[in-house]
Amino acid sequence: MYPHRYIKQRLLGRPLPNSAFVEERLSNPAALAVLSSNALSSVAYATEEILLVLVLAGS
């Protein structure tokens, strides 16, 4: 076993068997709702942090 695979398996656990993928998979609308909110919050946070750095640099 490769070292990176061993570390990944120790951190995340064993991979799911192929039969479990169907139960764990999100539908497109559900995935869009979950993942797009994360992207939107990340963009909003990044803009806030950039403004903070610019304000502090201008002071």
N, C-alpha and C. Protein backbone atom coordinates (compact mmCIF):
# COMPACT_ATOMS: atom_id res chain seq x y z
N MET A 1 0.85 -1.18 0.00
CA MET A 1 0.00 0.00 0.00
C MET A 1 0.90 1.24 0.00
N TYR A 2 0.53 2.22 -0.79
CA TYR A 2 1.29 3.46 -0.86
C TYR A 2 1.10 4.28 0.40
N PRO A 3 2.13 5.02 0.82
CA PRO A 3 2.02 5.79 2.07
C PRO A 3 0.86 6.78 2.09
N HIS A 4 0.62 7.48 0.97
CA HIS A 4 -0.48 8.46 0.98
C HIS A 4 -1.84 7.78 1.09
N ARG A 5 -1.97 6.59 0.53
CA ARG A 5 -3.23 5.85 0.67
C ARG A 5 -3.45 5.39 2.10
N TYR A 6 -2.37 4.97 2.74
CA TYR A 6 -2.45 4.52 4.13
C TYR A 6 -2.88 5.69 5.04
N ILE A 7 -2.27 6.84 4.85
CA ILE A 7 -2.60 8.01 5.66
C ILE A 7 -4.05 8.43 5.41
N LYS A 8 -4.45 8.44 4.16
CA LYS A 8 -5.83 8.82 3.82
C LYS A 8 -6.82 7.85 4.45
N GLN A 9 -6.53 6.56 4.40
CA GLN A 9 -7.44 5.58 4.97
C GLN A 9 -7.49 5.71 6.49
N ARG A 10 -6.38 6.02 7.13
CA ARG A 10 -6.37 6.20 8.58
C ARG A 10 -7.16 7.43 9.00
N LEU A 11 -7.10 8.50 8.19
CA LEU A 11 -7.82 9.73 8.52
C LEU A 11 -9.31 9.66 8.20
N LEU A 12 -9.63 9.09 7.04
CA LEU A 12 -11.02 9.11 6.56
C LEU A 12 -11.76 7.80 6.74
N GLY A 13 -11.06 6.73 7.00
CA GLY A 13 -11.71 5.43 7.13
C GLY A 13 -11.69 4.65 5.83
N ARG A 14 -12.25 3.47 5.87
CA ARG A 14 -12.26 2.61 4.68
C ARG A 14 -13.19 3.17 3.62
N PRO A 15 -12.88 2.96 2.35
CA PRO A 15 -13.76 3.40 1.28
C PRO A 15 -15.12 2.68 1.33
N LEU A 16 -16.14 3.36 0.84
CA LEU A 16 -17.46 2.73 0.78
C LEU A 16 -17.48 1.67 -0.31
N PRO A 17 -18.18 0.57 -0.06
CA PRO A 17 -18.36 -0.40 -1.15
C PRO A 17 -19.26 0.21 -2.23
N ASN A 18 -19.15 -0.30 -3.44
CA ASN A 18 -19.93 0.23 -4.56
C ASN A 18 -21.42 0.21 -4.28
N SER A 19 -21.91 -0.75 -3.53
CA SER A 19 -23.34 -0.85 -3.26
C SER A 19 -23.83 0.30 -2.38
N ALA A 20 -22.96 0.94 -1.62
CA ALA A 20 -23.37 2.02 -0.72
C ALA A 20 -23.41 3.38 -1.40
N PHE A 21 -22.85 3.48 -2.60
CA PHE A 21 -22.83 4.76 -3.30
C PHE A 21 -24.23 5.29 -3.60
N VAL A 22 -25.13 4.40 -3.92
CA VAL A 22 -26.50 4.82 -4.27
C VAL A 22 -27.17 5.49 -3.08
N GLU A 23 -26.96 4.97 -1.89
CA GLU A 23 -27.58 5.53 -0.69
C GLU A 23 -26.96 6.86 -0.28
N GLU A 24 -25.69 7.07 -0.57
CA GLU A 24 -24.97 8.26 -0.13
C GLU A 24 -25.00 9.39 -1.15
N ARG A 25 -25.44 9.13 -2.34
CA ARG A 25 -25.42 10.11 -3.41
C ARG A 25 -26.54 11.14 -3.25
N LEU A 26 -26.22 12.40 -3.49
CA LEU A 26 -27.23 13.47 -3.43
C LEU A 26 -27.83 13.68 -4.81
N SER A 27 -29.10 14.07 -4.83
CA SER A 27 -29.71 14.43 -6.10
C SER A 27 -29.12 15.78 -6.54
N ASN A 28 -29.26 16.13 -7.79
CA ASN A 28 -28.71 17.40 -8.28
C ASN A 28 -29.26 18.62 -7.55
N PRO A 29 -30.59 18.73 -7.33
CA PRO A 29 -31.09 19.90 -6.60
C PRO A 29 -30.57 19.97 -5.16
N ALA A 30 -30.49 18.83 -4.48
CA ALA A 30 -30.00 18.83 -3.11
C ALA A 30 -28.52 19.19 -3.06
N ALA A 31 -27.74 18.65 -3.97
CA ALA A 31 -26.31 18.95 -4.01
C ALA A 31 -26.08 20.42 -4.34
N LEU A 32 -26.86 20.97 -5.25
CA LEU A 32 -26.73 22.38 -5.59
C LEU A 32 -27.05 23.26 -4.39
N ALA A 33 -28.08 22.93 -3.66
CA ALA A 33 -28.46 23.72 -2.49
C ALA A 33 -27.37 23.67 -1.41
N VAL A 34 -26.80 22.51 -1.19
CA VAL A 34 -25.78 22.34 -0.14
C VAL A 34 -24.46 22.98 -0.55
N LEU A 35 -24.01 22.70 -1.76
CA LEU A 35 -22.67 23.13 -2.17
C LEU A 35 -22.63 24.59 -2.59
N SER A 36 -23.69 25.12 -3.16
CA SER A 36 -23.65 26.52 -3.60
C SER A 36 -23.67 27.47 -2.41
N SER A 37 -24.34 27.10 -1.33
CA SER A 37 -24.34 27.97 -0.15
C SER A 37 -22.94 28.06 0.44
N ASN A 38 -22.18 26.99 0.38
CA ASN A 38 -20.81 26.99 0.86
C ASN A 38 -19.95 27.93 0.00
N ALA A 39 -20.12 27.88 -1.30
CA ALA A 39 -19.35 28.74 -2.19
C ALA A 39 -19.71 30.21 -1.98
N LEU A 40 -20.99 30.48 -1.80
CA LEU A 40 -21.41 31.87 -1.59
C LEU A 40 -20.86 32.43 -0.29
N SER A 41 -20.87 31.64 0.76
CA SER A 41 -20.33 32.13 2.03
C SER A 41 -18.82 32.32 1.94
N SER A 42 -18.14 31.48 1.19
CA SER A 42 -16.70 31.62 1.02
C SER A 42 -16.37 32.90 0.27
N VAL A 43 -17.14 33.20 -0.76
CA VAL A 43 -16.91 34.42 -1.53
C VAL A 43 -17.17 35.65 -0.68
N ALA A 44 -18.22 35.63 0.11
CA ALA A 44 -18.53 36.76 0.98
C ALA A 44 -17.45 36.95 2.03
N TYR A 45 -16.96 35.87 2.59
CA TYR A 45 -15.92 35.96 3.61
C TYR A 45 -14.63 36.49 3.01
N ALA A 46 -14.28 36.03 1.81
CA ALA A 46 -13.05 36.47 1.16
C ALA A 46 -13.09 37.97 0.90
N THR A 47 -14.22 38.47 0.44
CA THR A 47 -14.34 39.90 0.17
C THR A 47 -14.17 40.70 1.46
N GLU A 48 -14.75 40.25 2.53
CA GLU A 48 -14.62 40.93 3.82
C GLU A 48 -13.16 40.96 4.27
N GLU A 49 -12.47 39.85 4.10
CA GLU A 49 -11.07 39.78 4.52
C GLU A 49 -10.18 40.66 3.65
N ILE A 50 -10.45 40.73 2.36
CA ILE A 50 -9.68 41.60 1.47
C ILE A 50 -9.86 43.05 1.87
N LEU A 51 -11.09 43.44 2.16
CA LEU A 51 -11.33 44.82 2.59
C LEU A 51 -10.63 45.12 3.91
N LEU A 52 -10.63 44.16 4.82
CA LEU A 52 -9.94 44.35 6.10
C LEU A 52 -8.45 44.59 5.88
N VAL A 53 -7.84 43.80 5.03
CA VAL A 53 -6.41 43.96 4.75
C VAL A 53 -6.15 45.30 4.09
N LEU A 54 -7.00 45.71 3.15
CA LEU A 54 -6.80 47.00 2.48
C LEU A 54 -6.95 48.16 3.46
N VAL A 55 -7.92 48.08 4.36
CA VAL A 55 -8.11 49.14 5.35
C VAL A 55 -6.91 49.22 6.28
N LEU A 56 -6.43 48.07 6.73
CA LEU A 56 -5.28 48.07 7.62
C LEU A 56 -4.01 48.54 6.90
N ALA A 57 -3.87 48.21 5.64
CA ALA A 57 -2.70 48.64 4.87
C ALA A 57 -2.74 50.14 4.63
N GLY A 58 -3.93 50.71 4.51
CA GLY A 58 -4.06 52.15 4.27
C GLY A 58 -3.90 52.98 5.53
N SER A 59 -3.98 52.35 6.70
CA SER A 59 -3.87 53.08 7.96
C SER A 59 -2.44 53.38 8.32
